């Protein structure tokens, strides 16, 4: 088995340069029906999938399930706003690494506070701020991948021939996988912490206000 790893790395690096996220200004400013939503996502995400001819980007069933699981606020008169589209984009990226429960815990506080709310920190502004460092992140990622590749080429030096080639290839995959694993662990812990704080805040909100209760008791006298 011959693997041209350098060609593979060059191809990956070139693909990094072609990475583009959906900019908020590219999203229609009018409300869309579900068919229009799926068509938009298909046209912008299809070329970013692993298997472009087979992978499903977004289906009607997916959208309905997201709404049922409180991942996506319900549509208004069967139409989806620009903010719905932004949430769907977040879901699309998160679902590749997080469980539905984790995505719910992460997005519910966001939509609860900012969905449909005007102000400096509306959902569009938040989306733009999150993605504005995209180019810098891609450059950092390229450097990190290049360094891990260099490290993998220094492994199994005592092995000869094709065995060494395969084991270095395997080592490179392991290094990349370990990085993903550790970051996933960190993300999950952060989401757990967020979920606990959100639950605590809800419980606190249920408690009666002592000042109001005191005022009521005075009025009753």
C-alpha atoms as a PDB file:
ATOM      1  CA  UNK A   1       0.000   0.000   0.000  1.00  0.00           C
ATOM      2  CA  UNK A   2       1.530   3.268  -1.149  1.00  0.00           C
ATOM      3  CA  UNK A   3       0.207   6.482   0.359  1.00  0.00           C
ATOM      4  CA  UNK A   4       1.423   9.799  -0.948  1.00  0.00           C
ATOM      5  CA  UNK A   5       0.991  11.683   2.317  1.00  0.00           C
ATOM      6  CA  UNK A   6       2.618  14.886   1.104  1.00  0.00           C
ATOM      7  CA  UNK A   7       0.169  15.159  -1.789  1.00  0.00           C
ATOM      8  CA  UNK A   8      -2.642  14.527   0.653  1.00  0.00           C
ATOM      9  CA  UNK A   9      -1.407  17.264   3.002  1.00  0.00           C
ATOM     10  CA  UNK A  10      -1.049  19.730   0.133  1.00  0.00           C
ATOM     11  CA  UNK A  11      -4.592  18.917  -0.974  1.00  0.00           C
ATOM     12  CA  UNK A  12      -5.922  19.439   2.579  1.00  0.00           C
ATOM     13  CA  UNK A  13      -4.090  22.747   2.933  1.00  0.00           C
ATOM     14  CA  UNK A  14      -5.539  23.912  -0.375  1.00  0.00           C
ATOM     15  CA  UNK A  15      -9.026  22.924   0.776  1.00  0.00           C
ATOM     16  CA  UNK A  16      -8.546  25.006   3.942  1.00  0.00           C
ATOM     17  CA  UNK A  17      -8.001  28.058   1.753  1.00  0.00           C
ATOM     18  CA  UNK A  18     -11.347  27.406   0.071  1.00  0.00           C
ATOM     19  CA  UNK A  19     -13.303  27.235   3.321  1.00  0.00           C
ATOM     20  CA  UNK A  20     -16.065  29.828   3.457  1.00  0.00           C
ATOM     21  CA  UNK A  21     -18.888  30.113   5.921  1.00  0.00           C
ATOM     22  CA  UNK A  22     -22.319  31.461   5.065  1.00  0.00           C
ATOM     23  CA  UNK A  23     -22.203  35.179   5.726  1.00  0.00           C
ATOM     24  CA  UNK A  24     -25.254  36.701   7.364  1.00  0.00           C
ATOM     25  CA  UNK A  25     -25.714  39.094   4.457  1.00  0.00           C
ATOM     26  CA  UNK A  26     -26.015  36.101   2.104  1.00  0.00           C
ATOM     27  CA  UNK A  27     -29.109  34.905   3.932  1.00  0.00           C
ATOM     28  CA  UNK A  28     -32.392  36.240   2.476  1.00  0.00           C
ATOM     29  CA  UNK A  29     -33.918  39.051   4.480  1.00  0.00           C
ATOM     30  CA  UNK A  30     -37.414  37.681   3.891  1.00  0.00           C
ATOM     31  CA  UNK A  31     -39.139  34.783   5.623  1.00  0.00           C
ATOM     32  CA  UNK A  32     -38.885  31.457   3.788  1.00  0.00           C
ATOM     33  CA  UNK A  33     -41.033  28.381   3.481  1.00  0.00           C
ATOM     34  CA  UNK A  34     -39.444  25.064   4.430  1.00  0.00           C
ATOM     35  CA  UNK A  35     -38.685  24.082   0.816  1.00  0.00           C
ATOM     36  CA  UNK A  36     -36.855  27.362   0.332  1.00  0.00           C
ATOM     37  CA  UNK A  37     -34.883  26.789   3.540  1.00  0.00           C
ATOM     38  CA  UNK A  38     -33.686  23.330   2.457  1.00  0.00           C
ATOM     39  CA  UNK A  39     -32.845  24.626  -1.040  1.00  0.00           C
ATOM     40  CA  UNK A  40     -30.765  27.466   0.397  1.00  0.00           C
ATOM     41  CA  UNK A  41     -28.830  25.139   2.724  1.00  0.00           C
ATOM     42  CA  UNK A  42     -28.256  22.642  -0.089  1.00  0.00           C
ATOM     43  CA  UNK A  43     -26.863  25.305  -2.404  1.00  0.00           C
ATOM     44  CA  UNK A  44     -24.448  26.640   0.234  1.00  0.00           C
ATOM     45  CA  UNK A  45     -23.393  23.460   2.068  1.00  0.00           C
ATOM     46  CA  UNK A  46     -23.399  20.678  -0.518  1.00  0.00           C
ATOM     47  CA  UNK A  47     -19.777  21.148  -1.643  1.00  0.00           C
ATOM     48  CA  UNK A  48     -18.580  21.038   1.997  1.00  0.00           C
ATOM     49  CA  UNK A  49     -19.792  17.494   2.651  1.00  0.00           C
ATOM     50  CA  UNK A  50     -17.649  14.371   2.678  1.00  0.00           C
ATOM     51  CA  UNK A  51     -19.863  12.612   0.126  1.00  0.00           C
ATOM     52  CA  UNK A  52     -21.566  15.370  -1.886  1.00  0.00           C
ATOM     53  CA  UNK A  53     -23.817  12.981  -3.818  1.00  0.00           C
ATOM     54  CA  UNK A  54     -25.004  11.060  -0.762  1.00  0.00           C
ATOM     55  CA  UNK A  55     -24.860  13.165   2.401  1.00  0.00           C
ATOM     56  CA  UNK A  56     -28.034  14.898   3.512  1.00  0.00           C
ATOM     57  CA  UNK A  57     -27.619  18.544   4.437  1.00  0.00           C
ATOM     58  CA  UNK A  58     -31.041  19.421   5.786  1.00  0.00           C
ATOM     59  CA  UNK A  59     -34.409  17.728   5.309  1.00  0.00           C
ATOM     60  CA  UNK A  60     -37.951  18.620   6.319  1.00  0.00           C
ATOM     61  CA  UNK A  61     -37.864  15.818   8.880  1.00  0.00           C
ATOM     62  CA  UNK A  62     -34.667  17.228  10.405  1.00  0.00           C
ATOM     63  CA  UNK A  63     -36.171  20.713  10.700  1.00  0.00           C
ATOM     64  CA  UNK A  64     -39.334  19.350  12.333  1.00  0.00           C
ATOM     65  CA  UNK A  65     -37.255  17.292  14.786  1.00  0.00           C
ATOM     66  CA  UNK A  66     -35.120  20.307  15.684  1.00  0.00           C
ATOM     67  CA  UNK A  67     -38.266  22.271  16.517  1.00  0.00           C
ATOM     68  CA  UNK A  68     -39.688  19.370  18.572  1.00  0.00           C
ATOM     69  CA  UNK A  69     -36.443  19.110  20.547  1.00  0.00           C
ATOM     70  CA  UNK A  70     -36.325  22.856  21.284  1.00  0.00           C
ATOM     71  CA  UNK A  71     -33.242  23.312  19.131  1.00  0.00           C
ATOM     72  CA  UNK A  72     -35.088  25.624  16.779  1.00  0.00           C
ATOM     73  CA  UNK A  73     -37.847  28.121  17.648  1.00  0.00           C
ATOM     74  CA  UNK A  74     -41.098  27.256  15.847  1.00  0.00           C
ATOM     75  CA  UNK A  75     -41.816  28.934  12.496  1.00  0.00           C
ATOM     76  CA  UNK A  76     -44.350  31.725  12.204  1.00  0.00           C
ATOM     77  CA  UNK A  77     -47.193  30.788   9.841  1.00  0.00           C
ATOM     78  CA  UNK A  78     -44.988  28.021   8.406  1.00  0.00           C
ATOM     79  CA  UNK A  79     -42.273  30.521   7.514  1.00  0.00           C
ATOM     80  CA  UNK A  80     -38.694  30.713   8.766  1.00  0.00           C
ATOM     81  CA  UNK A  81     -36.908  33.994   9.406  1.00  0.00           C
ATOM     82  CA  UNK A  82     -33.277  34.931   8.906  1.00  0.00           C
ATOM     83  CA  UNK A  83     -32.710  34.133  12.582  1.00  0.00           C
ATOM     84  CA  UNK A  84     -34.083  30.623  12.038  1.00  0.00           C
ATOM     85  CA  UNK A  85     -31.493  30.205   9.287  1.00  0.00           C
ATOM     86  CA  UNK A  86     -28.677  31.313  11.591  1.00  0.00           C
ATOM     87  CA  UNK A  87     -29.729  28.785  14.228  1.00  0.00           C
ATOM     88  CA  UNK A  88     -29.911  26.036  11.592  1.00  0.00           C
ATOM     89  CA  UNK A  89     -26.353  26.833  10.502  1.00  0.00           C
ATOM     90  CA  UNK A  90     -25.133  26.536  14.086  1.00  0.00           C
ATOM     91  CA  UNK A  91     -26.970  23.204  14.408  1.00  0.00           C
ATOM     92  CA  UNK A  92     -25.420  21.957  11.165  1.00  0.00           C
ATOM     93  CA  UNK A  93     -21.901  22.521  12.467  1.00  0.00           C
ATOM     94  CA  UNK A  94     -22.529  21.326  16.032  1.00  0.00           C
ATOM     95  CA  UNK A  95     -24.314  18.094  15.121  1.00  0.00           C
ATOM     96  CA  UNK A  96     -21.108  16.638  13.684  1.00  0.00           C
ATOM     97  CA  UNK A  97     -19.468  16.577  17.112  1.00  0.00           C
ATOM     98  CA  UNK A  98     -22.176  17.039  19.761  1.00  0.00           C
ATOM     99  CA  UNK A  99     -25.248  15.137  20.880  1.00  0.00           C
ATOM    100  CA  UNK A 100     -28.745  16.561  20.407  1.00  0.00           C
ATOM    101  CA  UNK A 101     -28.953  17.097  24.176  1.00  0.00           C
ATOM    102  CA  UNK A 102     -25.698  19.070  24.230  1.00  0.00           C
ATOM    103  CA  UNK A 103     -26.791  21.217  21.287  1.00  0.00           C
ATOM    104  CA  UNK A 104     -30.076  21.897  23.062  1.00  0.00           C
ATOM    105  CA  UNK A 105     -28.278  22.951  26.249  1.00  0.00           C
ATOM    106  CA  UNK A 106     -26.002  25.210  24.243  1.00  0.00           C
ATOM    107  CA  UNK A 107     -28.505  26.856  21.917  1.00  0.00           C
ATOM    108  CA  UNK A 108     -31.576  27.147  24.130  1.00  0.00           C
ATOM    109  CA  UNK A 109     -30.088  29.923  26.329  1.00  0.00           C
ATOM    110  CA  UNK A 110     -28.943  31.702  23.163  1.00  0.00           C
ATOM    111  CA  UNK A 111     -32.336  31.646  21.438  1.00  0.00           C
ATOM    112  CA  UNK A 112     -34.143  32.345  24.706  1.00  0.00           C
ATOM    113  CA  UNK A 113     -32.169  35.558  25.226  1.00  0.00           C
ATOM    114  CA  UNK A 114     -31.600  36.820  21.700  1.00  0.00           C
ATOM    115  CA  UNK A 115     -34.001  35.233  19.195  1.00  0.00           C
ATOM    116  CA  UNK A 116     -36.377  37.891  17.924  1.00  0.00           C
ATOM    117  CA  UNK A 117     -34.847  40.497  20.208  1.00  0.00           C
ATOM    118  CA  UNK A 118     -33.616  43.821  18.867  1.00  0.00           C
ATOM    119  CA  UNK A 119     -30.422  45.374  20.186  1.00  0.00           C
ATOM    120  CA  UNK A 120     -26.662  45.473  19.831  1.00  0.00           C
ATOM    121  CA  UNK A 121     -26.439  41.767  20.645  1.00  0.00           C
ATOM    122  CA  UNK A 122     -29.157  40.384  18.380  1.00  0.00           C
ATOM    123  CA  UNK A 123     -28.689  36.966  16.809  1.00  0.00           C
ATOM    124  CA  UNK A 124     -27.259  38.332  13.542  1.00  0.00           C
ATOM    125  CA  UNK A 125     -24.658  40.412  15.393  1.00  0.00           C
ATOM    126  CA  UNK A 126     -23.705  37.381  17.511  1.00  0.00           C
ATOM    127  CA  UNK A 127     -23.332  35.198  14.408  1.00  0.00           C
ATOM    128  CA  UNK A 128     -21.142  37.794  12.671  1.00  0.00           C
ATOM    129  CA  UNK A 129     -18.952  38.216  15.756  1.00  0.00           C
ATOM    130  CA  UNK A 130     -18.448  34.469  16.175  1.00  0.00           C
ATOM    131  CA  UNK A 131     -17.321  34.028  12.573  1.00  0.00           C
ATOM    132  CA  UNK A 132     -15.311  37.203  12.069  1.00  0.00           C
ATOM    133  CA  UNK A 133     -12.044  35.476  13.032  1.00  0.00           C
ATOM    134  CA  UNK A 134     -12.596  32.668  10.531  1.00  0.00           C
ATOM    135  CA  UNK A 135      -9.562  33.484   8.373  1.00  0.00           C
ATOM    136  CA  UNK A 136      -7.243  33.683  11.383  1.00  0.00           C
ATOM    137  CA  UNK A 137      -8.586  30.398  12.726  1.00  0.00           C
ATOM    138  CA  UNK A 138      -7.971  28.700   9.388  1.00  0.00           C
ATOM    139  CA  UNK A 139      -4.368  29.921   9.378  1.00  0.00           C
ATOM    140  CA  UNK A 140      -3.832  28.623  12.917  1.00  0.00           C
ATOM    141  CA  UNK A 141      -5.378  25.302  11.924  1.00  0.00           C
ATOM    142  CA  UNK A 142      -3.071  24.988   8.920  1.00  0.00           C
ATOM    143  CA  UNK A 143      -0.017  25.577  11.108  1.00  0.00           C
ATOM    144  CA  UNK A 144      -1.250  23.053  13.668  1.00  0.00           C
ATOM    145  CA  UNK A 145      -1.886  20.371  11.031  1.00  0.00           C
ATOM    146  CA  UNK A 146       1.522  21.007   9.462  1.00  0.00           C
ATOM    147  CA  UNK A 147       3.215  20.619  12.865  1.00  0.00           C
ATOM    148  CA  UNK A 148       1.404  17.368  13.629  1.00  0.00           C
ATOM    149  CA  UNK A 149       2.368  16.053  10.211  1.00  0.00           C
ATOM    150  CA  UNK A 150       6.012  16.907  10.917  1.00  0.00           C
ATOM    151  CA  UNK A 151       5.812  15.101  14.247  1.00  0.00           C
ATOM    152  CA  UNK A 152       4.237  12.036  12.643  1.00  0.00           C
ATOM    153  CA  UNK A 153       7.110  11.849  10.158  1.00  0.00           C
ATOM    154  CA  UNK A 154       9.512  11.423  13.072  1.00  0.00           C
ATOM    155  CA  UNK A 155       7.685   8.352  14.377  1.00  0.00           C
ATOM    156  CA  UNK A 156       8.578   4.696  13.647  1.00  0.00           C
ATOM    157  CA  UNK A 157      12.004   5.616  12.324  1.00  0.00           C
ATOM    158  CA  UNK A 158      13.249   2.102  13.083  1.00  0.00           C
ATOM    159  CA  UNK A 159      10.674   0.560  10.720  1.00  0.00           C
ATOM    160  CA  UNK A 160      11.558   0.156   7.047  1.00  0.00           C
ATOM    161  CA  UNK A 161       9.692   0.552   3.792  1.00  0.00           C
ATOM    162  CA  UNK A 162       5.943   0.465   3.387  1.00  0.00           C
ATOM    163  CA  UNK A 163       5.361  -0.517   7.011  1.00  0.00           C
ATOM    164  CA  UNK A 164       6.958   2.715   8.135  1.00  0.00           C
ATOM    165  CA  UNK A 165       4.884   4.671   5.628  1.00  0.00           C
ATOM    166  CA  UNK A 166       1.649   3.117   6.869  1.00  0.00           C
ATOM    167  CA  UNK A 167       2.492   3.512  10.567  1.00  0.00           C
ATOM    168  CA  UNK A 168       3.432   7.173  10.123  1.00  0.00           C
ATOM    169  CA  UNK A 169       0.142   7.708   8.298  1.00  0.00           C
ATOM    170  CA  UNK A 170      -1.679   5.994  11.174  1.00  0.00           C
ATOM    171  CA  UNK A 171       0.278   8.080  13.683  1.00  0.00           C
ATOM    172  CA  UNK A 172      -0.744  11.289  11.928  1.00  0.00           C
ATOM    173  CA  UNK A 173      -4.413  10.304  12.087  1.00  0.00           C
ATOM    174  CA  UNK A 174      -4.054   9.455  15.793  1.00  0.00           C
ATOM    175  CA  UNK A 175      -2.501  12.847  16.560  1.00  0.00           C
ATOM    176  CA  UNK A 176      -5.331  14.661  14.811  1.00  0.00           C
ATOM    177  CA  UNK A 177      -7.932  12.436  16.490  1.00  0.00           C
ATOM    178  CA  UNK A 178      -6.507  12.977  19.959  1.00  0.00           C
ATOM    179  CA  UNK A 179      -6.727  16.737  19.469  1.00  0.00           C
ATOM    180  CA  UNK A 180     -10.383  16.435  18.438  1.00  0.00           C
ATOM    181  CA  UNK A 181     -11.104  14.094  21.370  1.00  0.00           C
ATOM    182  CA  UNK A 182      -9.610  16.458  23.941  1.00  0.00           C
ATOM    183  CA  UNK A 183     -11.391  19.494  22.533  1.00  0.00           C
ATOM    184  CA  UNK A 184     -14.678  17.574  22.506  1.00  0.00           C
ATOM    185  CA  UNK A 185     -14.136  16.715  26.175  1.00  0.00           C
ATOM    186  CA  UNK A 186     -13.578  20.395  26.948  1.00  0.00           C
ATOM    187  CA  UNK A 187     -16.657  21.477  24.989  1.00  0.00           C
ATOM    188  CA  UNK A 188     -18.841  18.917  26.762  1.00  0.00           C
ATOM    189  CA  UNK A 189     -17.642  20.055  30.187  1.00  0.00           C
ATOM    190  CA  UNK A 190     -18.344  23.678  29.273  1.00  0.00           C
ATOM    191  CA  UNK A 191     -21.847  22.775  28.082  1.00  0.00           C
ATOM    192  CA  UNK A 192     -22.504  20.831  31.306  1.00  0.00           C
ATOM    193  CA  UNK A 193     -21.462  23.904  33.293  1.00  0.00           C
ATOM    194  CA  UNK A 194     -23.724  26.110  31.170  1.00  0.00           C
ATOM    195  CA  UNK A 195     -26.645  23.711  31.642  1.00  0.00           C
ATOM    196  CA  UNK A 196     -26.217  23.748  35.422  1.00  0.00           C
ATOM    197  CA  UNK A 197     -26.078  27.555  35.541  1.00  0.00           C
ATOM    198  CA  UNK A 198     -29.127  27.834  33.278  1.00  0.00           C
ATOM    199  CA  UNK A 199     -31.108  25.418  35.447  1.00  0.00           C
ATOM    200  CA  UNK A 200     -30.052  27.257  38.613  1.00  0.00           C
ATOM    201  CA  UNK A 201     -31.118  30.590  37.116  1.00  0.00           C
ATOM    202  CA  UNK A 202     -34.544  29.168  36.240  1.00  0.00           C
ATOM    203  CA  UNK A 203     -35.008  27.840  39.759  1.00  0.00           C
ATOM    204  CA  UNK A 204     -33.983  31.200  41.195  1.00  0.00           C
ATOM    205  CA  UNK A 205     -36.501  32.943  38.955  1.00  0.00           C
ATOM    206  CA  UNK A 206     -39.281  30.751  40.355  1.00  0.00           C
ATOM    207  CA  UNK A 207     -38.641  31.903  43.906  1.00  0.00           C
ATOM    208  CA  UNK A 208     -40.992  34.635  45.181  1.00  0.00           C
ATOM    209  CA  UNK A 209     -39.547  38.121  45.483  1.00  0.00           C
ATOM    210  CA  UNK A 210     -39.315  38.941  49.252  1.00  0.00           C
ATOM    211  CA  UNK A 211     -39.999  42.647  48.603  1.00  0.00           C
ATOM    212  CA  UNK A 212     -43.167  41.875  46.639  1.00  0.00           C
ATOM    213  CA  UNK A 213     -44.308  39.380  49.234  1.00  0.00           C
ATOM    214  CA  UNK A 214     -43.734  41.945  51.981  1.00  0.00           C
ATOM    215  CA  UNK A 215     -45.732  44.514  50.026  1.00  0.00           C
ATOM    216  CA  UNK A 216     -48.626  42.087  49.626  1.00  0.00           C
ATOM    217  CA  UNK A 217     -48.698  41.350  53.354  1.00  0.00           C
ATOM    218  CA  UNK A 218     -48.911  45.088  54.142  1.00  0.00           C
ATOM    219  CA  UNK A 219     -51.759  45.569  51.700  1.00  0.00           C
ATOM    220  CA  UNK A 220     -53.718  42.721  53.253  1.00  0.00           C
ATOM    221  CA  UNK A 221     -53.564  44.306  56.732  1.00  0.00           C
END
